[in-house]
Amino acid sequence: METRDRLAIALDVDDLVEAARLARQLKPWFGVAKVGLELYSAHGPDAVIAIGDLGYRVFLDVKMLDIPTTVGKAARVVGALGVSYLTLHAFGGVAMLQAGVEGLEAGAEAAGSPRPTALGVTVLTSDRAAPPHILGDRVRAAKQAGCGGIVCATSDVAEAKQIAPDLIAVVPGIRLPGEDAHDQARAATPEAAFEAGADLLVIGRAVTAADDPGAAAATLTGLVAKPG
């Protein structure tokens, strides 16, 4: 895979015009774009469609968490929008995760879209106090439910891959060397995340809050690009 296919830009703004402007500017370095709670709350499905129309694979990060029936129905709607990734909070358990997986895939199939990937969110990168067993429990739940991947901190990737090596590991909380971690208690550099076994990095403020987002993206890509 090209480096840009393993990098997701987090469009964490509430203005769709600004999100689209950033997406266009950063497209040379990112193949995936994350639509999170802020942008989705402001613009709903229109945000997914608009960013997808720019040629990105859309990663909808809304961390669905509810009873299985509700999650299944909501995931089916999202699947029909053509997203490539959808987050489901693994705290909800196997039945809820499975309903989300099935709904997401059914929605995509009905719309004629490529099969999307459901991601089980394990432990938030801002959470310093999660008990040690939580990660393993949630990775196993995601695997049992049929998720295609998990979301975890860099420090959790090795353990997660031991439990479920076939699941892709999506890692947020990425910062360039020497940068402020902000509210990410378990941030890491791109190199550290890939060395730990991450498959897809989610990058936000390290690029979007930079004085020159394009230059920051180029620097980041240069740090993680592999020869050949």
Protein backbone atom coordinates (compact mmCIF):
# COMPACT_ATOMS: atom_id res chain seq x y z
CA MET A 1 0.00 0.00 0.00
CA GLU A 2 1.09 3.56 -0.65
CA THR A 3 1.81 5.64 2.43
CA ARG A 4 -1.22 7.87 1.77
CA ASP A 5 -3.52 4.83 1.89
CA ARG A 6 -2.40 4.25 5.48
CA LEU A 7 -3.03 7.83 6.60
CA ALA A 8 -6.41 9.32 7.54
CA ILE A 9 -6.85 13.05 7.93
CA ALA A 10 -9.24 13.98 10.75
CA LEU A 11 -11.55 16.74 9.54
CA ASP A 12 -12.50 17.83 13.05
CA VAL A 13 -14.31 21.07 12.20
CA ASP A 14 -18.00 22.00 12.18
CA ASP A 15 -17.96 23.81 8.83
CA LEU A 16 -18.35 21.63 5.75
CA VAL A 17 -16.84 24.29 3.48
CA GLU A 18 -13.71 24.39 5.67
CA ALA A 19 -13.62 20.60 5.84
CA ALA A 20 -13.78 20.34 2.05
CA ARG A 21 -11.09 23.00 1.67
CA LEU A 22 -8.76 21.07 3.97
CA ALA A 23 -9.60 17.81 2.24
CA ARG A 24 -8.71 19.22 -1.18
CA GLN A 25 -5.49 20.76 0.11
CA LEU A 26 -4.33 17.58 1.81
CA LYS A 27 -5.40 15.00 -0.75
CA PRO A 28 -1.85 14.43 -2.08
CA TRP A 29 -0.86 12.99 1.31
CA PHE A 30 -4.02 11.28 2.61
CA GLY A 31 -6.20 8.59 1.08
CA VAL A 32 -8.71 8.41 3.96
CA ALA A 33 -10.67 11.23 5.59
CA LYS A 34 -12.24 11.00 9.01
CA VAL A 35 -15.64 12.57 9.55
CA GLY A 36 -16.05 12.74 13.32
CA LEU A 37 -18.78 13.74 15.74
CA GLU A 38 -18.26 17.47 15.27
CA LEU A 39 -18.62 17.52 11.49
CA TYR A 40 -21.31 14.82 11.45
CA SER A 41 -23.34 16.62 14.12
CA ALA A 42 -23.23 19.80 12.06
CA HIS A 43 -23.95 18.35 8.62
CA GLY A 44 -24.97 14.69 8.99
CA PRO A 45 -24.89 12.46 5.90
CA ASP A 46 -24.12 15.46 3.68
CA ALA A 47 -20.64 15.55 5.20
CA VAL A 48 -19.99 11.91 4.33
CA ILE A 49 -21.21 12.35 0.78
CA ALA A 50 -19.32 15.59 0.17
CA ILE A 51 -15.99 14.24 1.40
CA GLY A 52 -16.48 10.96 -0.44
CA ASP A 53 -17.14 12.90 -3.65
CA LEU A 54 -13.64 14.37 -3.32
CA GLY A 55 -12.19 10.90 -3.84
CA TYR A 56 -11.49 9.92 -0.24
CA ARG A 57 -12.38 6.72 1.51
CA VAL A 58 -14.53 8.04 4.34
CA PHE A 59 -13.95 6.97 7.93
CA LEU A 60 -17.08 7.84 9.93
CA ASP A 61 -16.03 8.06 13.57
CA VAL A 62 -19.20 8.32 15.67
CA LYS A 63 -18.50 5.44 18.09
CA MET A 64 -22.00 3.97 17.98
CA LEU A 65 -23.13 2.70 21.38
CA ASP A 66 -26.73 1.69 22.06
CA ILE A 67 -28.91 -1.40 22.13
CA PRO A 68 -28.20 -3.85 19.28
CA THR A 69 -31.38 -3.08 17.32
CA THR A 70 -30.72 0.66 17.30
CA VAL A 71 -27.06 0.27 16.35
CA GLY A 72 -27.91 -2.21 13.62
CA LYS A 73 -30.47 0.11 12.03
CA ALA A 74 -28.22 3.17 12.29
CA ALA A 75 -25.26 1.27 10.85
CA ARG A 76 -27.39 0.16 7.91
CA VAL A 77 -28.15 3.79 7.10
CA VAL A 78 -24.46 4.65 7.30
CA GLY A 79 -23.51 1.68 5.12
CA ALA A 80 -25.78 2.98 2.39
CA LEU A 81 -23.85 6.27 2.39
CA GLY A 82 -20.75 4.52 1.07
CA VAL A 83 -18.43 4.85 4.06
CA SER A 84 -15.30 2.71 4.12
CA TYR A 85 -14.98 2.58 7.93
CA LEU A 86 -17.42 2.99 10.82
CA THR A 87 -16.57 2.98 14.53
CA LEU A 88 -18.66 1.03 17.05
CA HIS A 89 -17.76 1.26 20.74
CA ALA A 90 -16.71 -2.20 21.92
CA PHE A 91 -18.01 -1.32 25.40
CA GLY A 92 -21.42 -2.29 23.95
CA GLY A 93 -20.50 -5.97 23.81
CA VAL A 94 -20.58 -8.70 21.20
CA ALA A 95 -24.30 -8.58 20.38
CA MET A 96 -24.25 -4.84 19.76
CA LEU A 97 -21.05 -5.01 17.71
CA GLN A 98 -22.41 -7.86 15.62
CA ALA A 99 -25.62 -5.93 14.93
CA GLY A 100 -23.52 -2.99 13.80
CA VAL A 101 -21.38 -5.14 11.52
CA GLU A 102 -24.41 -6.78 9.92
CA GLY A 103 -26.27 -3.50 9.51
CA LEU A 104 -23.27 -1.75 8.00
CA GLU A 105 -22.64 -4.51 5.48
CA ALA A 106 -26.33 -4.82 4.58
CA GLY A 107 -26.61 -1.10 3.93
CA ALA A 108 -23.55 -1.10 1.69
CA GLU A 109 -24.74 -4.13 -0.23
CA ALA A 110 -28.19 -2.62 -0.81
CA ALA A 111 -26.58 0.55 -2.15
CA GLY A 112 -24.10 -1.33 -4.34
CA SER A 113 -21.14 0.07 -2.41
CA PRO A 114 -17.90 -1.79 -1.63
CA ARG A 115 -17.90 -3.80 1.57
CA PRO A 116 -17.05 -1.46 4.47
CA THR A 117 -15.05 -2.21 7.61
CA ALA A 118 -16.53 -1.99 11.10
CA LEU A 119 -14.01 -0.90 13.73
CA GLY A 120 -14.41 -1.75 17.41
CA VAL A 121 -13.21 1.12 19.59
CA THR A 122 -11.28 -0.36 22.50
CA VAL A 123 -9.92 2.24 24.94
CA LEU A 124 -9.88 5.97 24.18
CA THR A 125 -6.43 7.47 23.79
CA SER A 126 -7.41 10.07 26.40
CA ASP A 127 -8.12 7.36 29.01
CA ARG A 128 -5.23 6.84 31.41
CA ALA A 129 -7.20 4.81 33.96
CA ALA A 130 -8.68 1.86 32.04
CA PRO A 131 -8.08 -1.47 33.88
CA PRO A 132 -5.50 -3.68 32.14
CA HIS A 133 -8.00 -6.38 31.15
CA ILE A 134 -10.28 -3.98 29.26
CA LEU A 135 -8.21 -3.92 26.07
CA GLY A 136 -8.13 -7.69 25.68
CA ASP A 137 -11.82 -8.05 26.47
CA ARG A 138 -12.79 -5.50 23.86
CA VAL A 139 -10.45 -6.81 21.17
CA ARG A 140 -11.88 -10.30 21.66
CA ALA A 141 -15.42 -8.90 21.49
CA ALA A 142 -14.64 -7.10 18.22
CA LYS A 143 -13.17 -10.27 16.74
CA GLN A 144 -16.07 -12.46 17.85
CA ALA A 145 -18.59 -9.97 16.45
CA GLY A 146 -16.98 -9.96 13.02
CA CYS A 147 -15.44 -6.49 13.05
CA GLY A 148 -12.71 -5.98 10.48
CA GLY A 149 -10.55 -3.93 12.80
CA ILE A 150 -10.11 -2.11 16.06
CA VAL A 151 -9.18 1.39 17.19
CA CYS A 152 -6.52 1.59 19.88
CA ALA A 153 -3.55 3.60 21.12
CA THR A 154 -0.05 2.86 19.84
CA SER A 155 0.86 1.39 23.23
CA ASP A 156 -1.94 -1.16 22.85
CA VAL A 157 -1.23 -2.35 19.31
CA ALA A 158 1.18 -5.17 20.18
CA GLU A 159 -1.20 -6.75 22.69
CA ALA A 160 -4.16 -6.32 20.35
CA LYS A 161 -2.29 -7.98 17.47
CA GLN A 162 -1.36 -10.93 19.68
CA ILE A 163 -5.06 -11.49 20.41
CA ALA A 164 -6.39 -10.81 16.92
CA PRO A 165 -3.61 -10.53 14.31
CA ASP A 166 -6.13 -10.53 11.46
CA LEU A 167 -7.84 -7.30 12.59
CA ILE A 168 -6.50 -4.04 11.23
CA ALA A 169 -5.27 -1.64 13.91
CA VAL A 170 -6.35 1.97 13.50
CA VAL A 171 -4.37 4.36 15.70
CA PRO A 172 -5.38 7.94 16.58
CA GLY A 173 -3.49 10.37 18.79
CA ILE A 174 -0.62 10.86 16.33
CA ARG A 175 1.72 13.78 16.87
CA LEU A 176 4.90 14.90 15.15
CA PRO A 177 8.05 14.71 17.30
CA GLY A 178 8.15 17.44 19.94
CA GLU A 179 4.53 18.53 19.49
CA ASP A 180 1.95 19.15 22.22
CA ALA A 181 -0.15 16.03 22.89
CA HIS A 182 -3.17 18.18 23.92
CA ASP A 183 -5.86 15.89 25.41
CA GLN A 184 -4.31 12.71 24.01
CA ALA A 185 -2.88 11.02 27.10
CA ARG A 186 -1.28 8.28 24.99
CA ALA A 187 -0.08 10.07 21.89
CA ALA A 188 2.72 8.74 19.68
CA THR A 189 4.76 9.70 16.66
CA PRO A 190 3.90 8.23 13.24
CA GLU A 191 7.11 6.19 13.19
CA ALA A 192 6.40 4.70 16.62
CA ALA A 193 2.86 3.78 15.63
CA PHE A 194 3.90 2.00 12.44
CA GLU A 195 6.76 0.26 14.20
CA ALA A 196 4.25 -1.02 16.78
CA GLY A 197 2.19 -2.59 14.01
CA ALA A 198 -0.46 0.03 13.22
CA ASP A 199 -2.18 -0.34 9.85
CA LEU A 200 -3.91 3.05 9.58
CA LEU A 201 -2.99 6.29 11.37
CA VAL A 202 -5.55 9.00 12.13
CA ILE A 203 -3.92 12.44 12.08
CA GLY A 204 -5.67 15.65 12.99
CA ARG A 205 -4.26 18.69 14.77
CA ALA A 206 -0.65 17.80 13.93
CA VAL A 207 -1.56 18.79 10.37
CA THR A 208 -4.86 20.69 10.39
CA ALA A 209 -3.79 23.12 13.16
CA ALA A 210 -0.38 23.77 11.59
CA ASP A 211 0.42 27.18 10.13
CA ASP A 212 0.95 25.41 6.81
CA PRO A 213 -1.07 22.16 6.75
CA GLY A 214 0.42 21.08 3.43
CA ALA A 215 3.98 21.46 4.68
CA ALA A 216 3.12 19.58 7.88
CA ALA A 217 1.57 16.78 5.84
CA ALA A 218 4.64 16.58 3.62
CA THR A 219 6.89 16.41 6.68
CA LEU A 220 4.79 13.67 8.23
CA THR A 221 4.71 11.63 5.03
CA GLY A 222 8.47 11.95 4.73
CA LEU A 223 8.90 10.58 8.23
CA VAL A 224 6.85 7.45 7.61
CA ALA A 225 7.44 6.71 3.92
CA LYS A 226 9.16 3.42 3.30
CA PRO A 227 11.69 2.96 0.47
CA GLY A 228 10.24 1.22 -2.57
